[in-house]
Amino acid sequence: MRALKLGVVLMLAATGASAAEITVSAAASLTNAFKEIGAAYEKAHAGDKVQFNFAASDPLVQQIAKGAPVDVFASADQDAMDKADTLKLLAPASRRNFASNSLVLITPAAATLPIKGIADLQQAGVARVTMGNPASVPVGRYTKHALEQAKLWAAVEPKAIYGASVRQSLDYVARGEVDAGFVYATDAAVMKDKVKVVATVPTDTPVSYPIAVIAAGPQAAAGRKFADYVLSSSGQAILAKYGFGRP
C-alpha cells in the first residue's frame, strides 16, 4: 500500500514537472484560429497551458528583442520573421511556413459608394481608406506594394488611415468610419455581417505566415511541441476552418 502511494506521488510529481506554460506571440490576423488551436493543444497535452499575445508582427519582434519571455513567434509575413532572425532571436532550424492568406479590399456592409476594385479608390467620393501602417504592419506592406504595382499609391496614400494592426483596420471598416480598407480574407470572414469583400487584391509576393521557436524562451522545448502542433494535421484543419490556406 505504501509503495502504491509512493508511486502515485511520483507520478503526480512527474506530471507537474512536465507541464509548461507556453507563451506565443502571434500576428493579430491569427487571433481566432490560434485561440482554437491553443485550446486543442491543451486538450492533447494535459497540464500544458498556452498564453497568447496578439498584435502586429513588427511590434511583437520589438517586444521579444527587449526580453519579453516568449517561446514561439508566428508572423504574418516573412519580413518580420527576417527581422527576428537578423536579431538572432530564433532557435536554429525552427523557422517554418505554416499558412497562407490573401489580401482583400473591403467596404462597410451598408456602403453605397461604387467601389468594386482598387482603381475605384481614386474617386473623389472616397475620402478615407484604412490599411496597416507599412512601417510596422505586414498587411500594410502587402497593401503598399500592391498599390505601387498598380500605380495607385500616389492617389490612395493621402487618403490612408493607418491601423496599428489588421484587426484595427477591420474595426474601422466594420464601424463605418472609413469608406474602404485592406485586410486579409480571413479577417473579413470574421465580420462578414458588417463588411463586404469587393475585390481580392493581387500581391507581388505571397501572403505567407512563418512560425519559429524563440531561442531564449523559458519553455523552448514545449514551444517546439506547439509549433509542431500548428503544422500537424489537427492544427492545419483548424487553420483551414478559419480560411487560411496551406503553407
Protein backbone atom coordinates (compact mmCIF):
# COMPACT_ATOMS: atom_id res chain seq x y z
CA MET A 1 0.00 0.00 0.00
CA ARG A 2 2.82 2.33 0.97
CA ALA A 3 4.61 1.54 -2.31
CA LEU A 4 1.41 2.28 -4.24
CA LYS A 5 1.05 5.68 -2.53
CA LEU A 6 4.68 6.49 -3.30
CA GLY A 7 4.14 5.55 -6.93
CA VAL A 8 1.12 7.86 -7.17
CA VAL A 9 3.11 10.74 -5.62
CA LEU A 10 5.98 10.20 -8.04
CA MET A 11 3.60 10.03 -11.00
CA LEU A 12 1.89 13.29 -9.98
CA ALA A 13 5.27 14.95 -9.48
CA ALA A 14 6.39 13.85 -12.94
CA THR A 15 3.17 15.20 -14.45
CA GLY A 16 3.68 18.57 -12.74
CA ALA A 17 7.29 18.71 -13.87
CA SER A 18 6.35 18.11 -17.48
CA ALA A 19 3.58 20.74 -17.56
CA ALA A 20 4.54 24.00 -19.22
CA GLU A 21 3.07 27.45 -19.75
CA ILE A 22 3.85 28.35 -23.34
CA THR A 23 3.81 31.98 -24.39
CA VAL A 24 3.02 32.57 -28.05
CA SER A 25 3.32 35.97 -29.73
CA ALA A 26 1.27 35.88 -32.92
CA ALA A 27 0.06 38.19 -35.68
CA ALA A 28 -3.34 39.76 -34.99
CA SER A 29 -4.89 38.04 -38.01
CA LEU A 30 -4.29 34.68 -36.30
CA THR A 31 -6.35 35.55 -33.21
CA ASN A 32 -9.41 33.37 -33.77
CA ALA A 33 -7.63 30.40 -35.31
CA PHE A 34 -4.80 30.33 -32.77
CA LYS A 35 -7.18 30.57 -29.81
CA GLU A 36 -8.85 27.39 -31.04
CA ILE A 37 -5.50 25.75 -31.78
CA GLY A 38 -4.35 26.64 -28.26
CA ALA A 39 -7.41 25.01 -26.71
CA ALA A 40 -6.93 21.90 -28.86
CA TYR A 41 -3.23 21.75 -27.95
CA GLU A 42 -4.01 21.97 -24.22
CA LYS A 43 -6.52 19.14 -24.58
CA ALA A 44 -3.91 16.99 -26.33
CA HIS A 45 -1.12 17.89 -23.84
CA ALA A 46 -2.58 17.56 -20.36
CA GLY A 47 -1.21 20.13 -17.94
CA ASP A 48 0.26 22.47 -20.56
CA LYS A 49 -1.18 25.96 -20.90
CA VAL A 50 -0.87 28.31 -23.88
CA GLN A 51 -0.87 32.08 -23.36
CA PHE A 52 -1.23 34.34 -26.41
CA ASN A 53 -0.09 37.85 -27.18
CA PHE A 54 -1.70 39.10 -30.40
CA ALA A 55 -0.52 42.26 -32.16
CA ALA A 56 1.06 43.47 -35.40
CA SER A 57 4.13 41.38 -36.23
CA ASP A 58 6.81 44.11 -36.07
CA PRO A 59 5.94 45.32 -32.55
CA LEU A 60 5.99 41.68 -31.42
CA VAL A 61 9.57 41.36 -32.70
CA GLN A 62 10.50 44.50 -30.77
CA GLN A 63 8.98 43.09 -27.59
CA ILE A 64 10.92 39.84 -27.95
CA ALA A 65 14.14 41.73 -28.68
CA LYS A 66 13.65 43.71 -25.46
CA GLY A 67 13.45 40.50 -23.44
CA ALA A 68 9.76 39.60 -23.34
CA PRO A 69 9.51 35.94 -22.18
CA VAL A 70 8.18 34.47 -25.43
CA ASP A 71 8.52 30.85 -26.56
CA VAL A 72 7.00 30.97 -30.05
CA PHE A 73 6.62 33.71 -32.65
CA ALA A 74 4.15 33.49 -35.55
CA SER A 75 4.35 36.29 -38.10
CA ALA A 76 2.02 37.45 -40.88
CA ASP A 77 4.91 37.97 -43.30
CA GLN A 78 8.48 36.95 -43.97
CA ASP A 79 9.87 40.45 -43.38
CA ALA A 80 9.01 40.47 -39.68
CA MET A 81 10.46 36.99 -39.23
CA ASP A 82 13.57 38.08 -41.12
CA LYS A 83 13.98 40.90 -38.59
CA ALA A 84 13.73 38.42 -35.74
CA ASP A 85 16.28 36.20 -37.48
CA THR A 86 18.70 39.11 -38.03
CA LEU A 87 18.45 39.91 -34.32
CA LYS A 88 19.36 36.25 -33.59
CA LEU A 89 16.15 35.68 -31.68
CA LEU A 90 15.21 32.39 -33.35
CA ALA A 91 16.18 28.90 -32.31
CA PRO A 92 18.26 27.32 -35.11
CA ALA A 93 16.31 25.44 -37.78
CA SER A 94 12.96 26.15 -36.10
CA ARG A 95 11.56 28.54 -38.72
CA ARG A 96 8.83 27.04 -40.92
CA ASN A 97 5.93 28.32 -43.02
CA PHE A 98 2.56 27.13 -41.73
CA ALA A 99 -0.21 29.05 -43.55
CA SER A 100 -1.10 31.39 -46.40
CA ASN A 101 -3.73 34.06 -46.91
CA SER A 102 -4.91 36.64 -49.44
CA LEU A 103 -5.29 40.41 -49.41
CA VAL A 104 -8.78 41.79 -49.96
CA LEU A 105 -10.43 45.17 -50.32
CA ILE A 106 -13.49 45.59 -48.12
CA THR A 107 -16.19 48.20 -47.55
CA PRO A 108 -18.81 48.60 -44.80
CA ALA A 109 -21.71 46.21 -45.43
CA ALA A 110 -24.15 49.09 -45.90
CA ALA A 111 -21.83 51.19 -48.09
CA THR A 112 -23.31 52.77 -51.20
CA LEU A 113 -20.16 54.11 -52.88
CA PRO A 114 -19.44 52.31 -56.19
CA ILE A 115 -16.23 50.59 -55.13
CA LYS A 116 -15.56 47.35 -56.99
CA GLY A 117 -11.78 47.35 -57.17
CA ILE A 118 -8.67 49.23 -56.09
CA ALA A 119 -8.85 51.62 -59.08
CA ASP A 120 -12.15 52.94 -57.68
CA LEU A 121 -10.32 54.28 -54.62
CA GLN A 122 -9.25 57.21 -56.78
CA GLN A 123 -12.81 58.55 -56.83
CA ALA A 124 -13.30 61.95 -55.20
CA GLY A 125 -16.10 60.47 -53.08
CA VAL A 126 -13.68 58.05 -51.43
CA ALA A 127 -12.11 60.07 -48.61
CA ARG A 128 -10.78 57.53 -46.09
CA VAL A 129 -9.09 54.20 -46.82
CA THR A 130 -7.69 52.16 -43.95
CA MET A 131 -4.67 49.88 -44.13
CA GLY A 132 -1.99 48.69 -41.76
CA ASN A 133 0.95 51.01 -41.32
CA PRO A 134 3.51 49.77 -43.88
CA ALA A 135 6.32 50.64 -41.47
CA SER A 136 5.20 48.12 -38.87
CA VAL A 137 2.25 46.02 -40.04
CA PRO A 138 2.60 43.22 -42.64
CA VAL A 139 -0.83 43.82 -44.22
CA GLY A 140 0.25 47.42 -44.75
CA ARG A 141 3.37 46.30 -46.58
CA TYR A 142 1.37 43.97 -48.82
CA THR A 143 -1.10 46.80 -49.49
CA LYS A 144 1.52 49.39 -50.33
CA HIS A 145 3.31 47.01 -52.71
CA ALA A 146 0.04 46.10 -54.43
CA LEU A 147 -0.93 49.75 -54.90
CA GLU A 148 2.55 50.60 -56.16
CA GLN A 149 2.35 47.74 -58.66
CA ALA A 150 -0.98 49.14 -59.88
CA LYS A 151 0.47 52.69 -59.94
CA LEU A 152 -2.18 53.83 -57.47
CA TRP A 153 -0.12 54.51 -54.34
CA ALA A 154 0.24 58.24 -55.03
CA ALA A 155 -3.54 58.60 -55.36
CA VAL A 156 -4.51 56.45 -52.37
CA GLU A 157 -1.78 57.28 -49.83
CA PRO A 158 -3.20 60.77 -48.98
CA LYS A 159 -6.49 59.07 -48.03
CA ALA A 160 -4.81 56.46 -45.83
CA ILE A 161 -5.95 55.90 -42.25
CA TYR A 162 -3.29 53.64 -40.76
CA GLY A 163 -4.23 50.86 -38.38
CA ALA A 164 -1.86 49.59 -35.70
CA SER A 165 -2.88 46.07 -36.72
CA VAL A 166 -5.05 44.43 -39.36
CA ARG A 167 -7.80 43.98 -36.78
CA GLN A 168 -7.87 47.72 -36.08
CA SER A 169 -8.38 48.38 -39.80
CA LEU A 170 -11.11 45.75 -39.84
CA ASP A 171 -12.85 47.51 -36.95
CA TYR A 172 -12.67 50.89 -38.74
CA VAL A 173 -14.49 49.41 -41.74
CA ALA A 174 -16.99 47.44 -39.65
CA ARG A 175 -17.96 50.61 -37.77
CA GLY A 176 -18.31 52.60 -40.99
CA GLU A 177 -15.59 55.06 -40.02
CA VAL A 178 -13.85 54.71 -43.39
CA ASP A 179 -15.00 54.16 -46.96
CA ALA A 180 -12.87 51.10 -47.61
CA GLY A 181 -9.98 49.12 -46.22
CA PHE A 182 -7.40 46.45 -46.87
CA VAL A 183 -7.38 43.33 -44.68
CA TYR A 184 -6.77 39.61 -45.11
CA ALA A 185 -9.56 37.39 -46.41
CA THR A 186 -9.63 35.57 -43.07
CA ASP A 187 -10.25 38.83 -41.20
CA ALA A 188 -13.12 39.81 -43.48
CA ALA A 189 -14.70 36.43 -42.79
CA VAL A 190 -14.73 37.15 -39.05
CA MET A 191 -17.08 40.12 -39.61
CA LYS A 192 -18.90 39.07 -42.75
CA ASP A 193 -22.13 40.57 -41.38
CA LYS A 194 -20.51 44.02 -41.05
CA VAL A 195 -18.13 44.20 -44.02
CA LYS A 196 -18.24 43.04 -47.61
CA VAL A 197 -15.35 41.92 -49.79
CA VAL A 198 -15.38 43.85 -53.05
CA ALA A 199 -12.12 42.53 -54.54
CA THR A 200 -9.24 40.16 -53.98
CA VAL A 201 -6.04 42.13 -54.45
CA PRO A 202 -3.08 40.51 -56.25
CA THR A 203 0.20 40.73 -54.30
CA ASP A 204 3.68 40.61 -55.78
CA THR A 205 4.75 38.24 -53.01
CA PRO A 206 2.53 35.52 -51.50
CA VAL A 207 0.89 36.25 -48.15
CA SER A 208 2.83 33.65 -46.20
CA TYR A 209 2.96 33.00 -42.44
CA PRO A 210 6.13 31.64 -40.77
CA ILE A 211 6.43 30.31 -37.22
CA ALA A 212 9.60 29.86 -35.15
CA VAL A 213 10.74 28.99 -31.65
CA ILE A 214 12.45 31.75 -29.68
CA ALA A 215 15.95 30.71 -28.63
CA ALA A 216 15.80 32.41 -25.23
CA GLY A 217 12.23 31.35 -24.49
CA PRO A 218 11.70 29.92 -20.99
CA GLN A 219 9.80 26.94 -22.44
CA ALA A 220 11.65 26.40 -25.72
CA ALA A 221 11.13 22.62 -25.73
CA ALA A 222 7.40 22.99 -25.18
CA GLY A 223 7.39 25.79 -27.75
CA ARG A 224 8.70 23.32 -30.33
CA LYS A 225 5.81 20.99 -29.49
CA PHE A 226 3.33 23.80 -30.01
CA ALA A 227 4.89 24.80 -33.34
CA ASP A 228 4.77 21.14 -34.42
CA TYR A 229 1.09 21.04 -33.48
CA VAL A 230 0.33 24.09 -35.64
CA LEU A 231 1.85 22.22 -38.59
CA SER A 232 0.16 18.93 -37.72
CA SER A 233 -3.00 17.73 -39.46
CA SER A 234 -5.04 18.87 -36.44
CA GLY A 235 -3.57 22.37 -36.46
CA GLN A 236 -3.88 22.69 -40.22
CA ALA A 237 -7.53 21.63 -40.09
CA ILE A 238 -8.30 24.43 -37.64
CA LEU A 239 -6.46 26.97 -39.80
CA ALA A 240 -8.42 25.79 -42.85
CA LYS A 241 -11.66 26.19 -40.88
CA TYR A 242 -10.83 29.88 -40.49
CA GLY A 243 -9.98 30.29 -44.17
CA PHE A 244 -6.19 30.02 -44.13
CA GLY A 245 -4.52 28.21 -47.00
CA ARG A 246 -1.77 25.63 -46.89
CA PRO A 247 1.78 26.97 -46.49
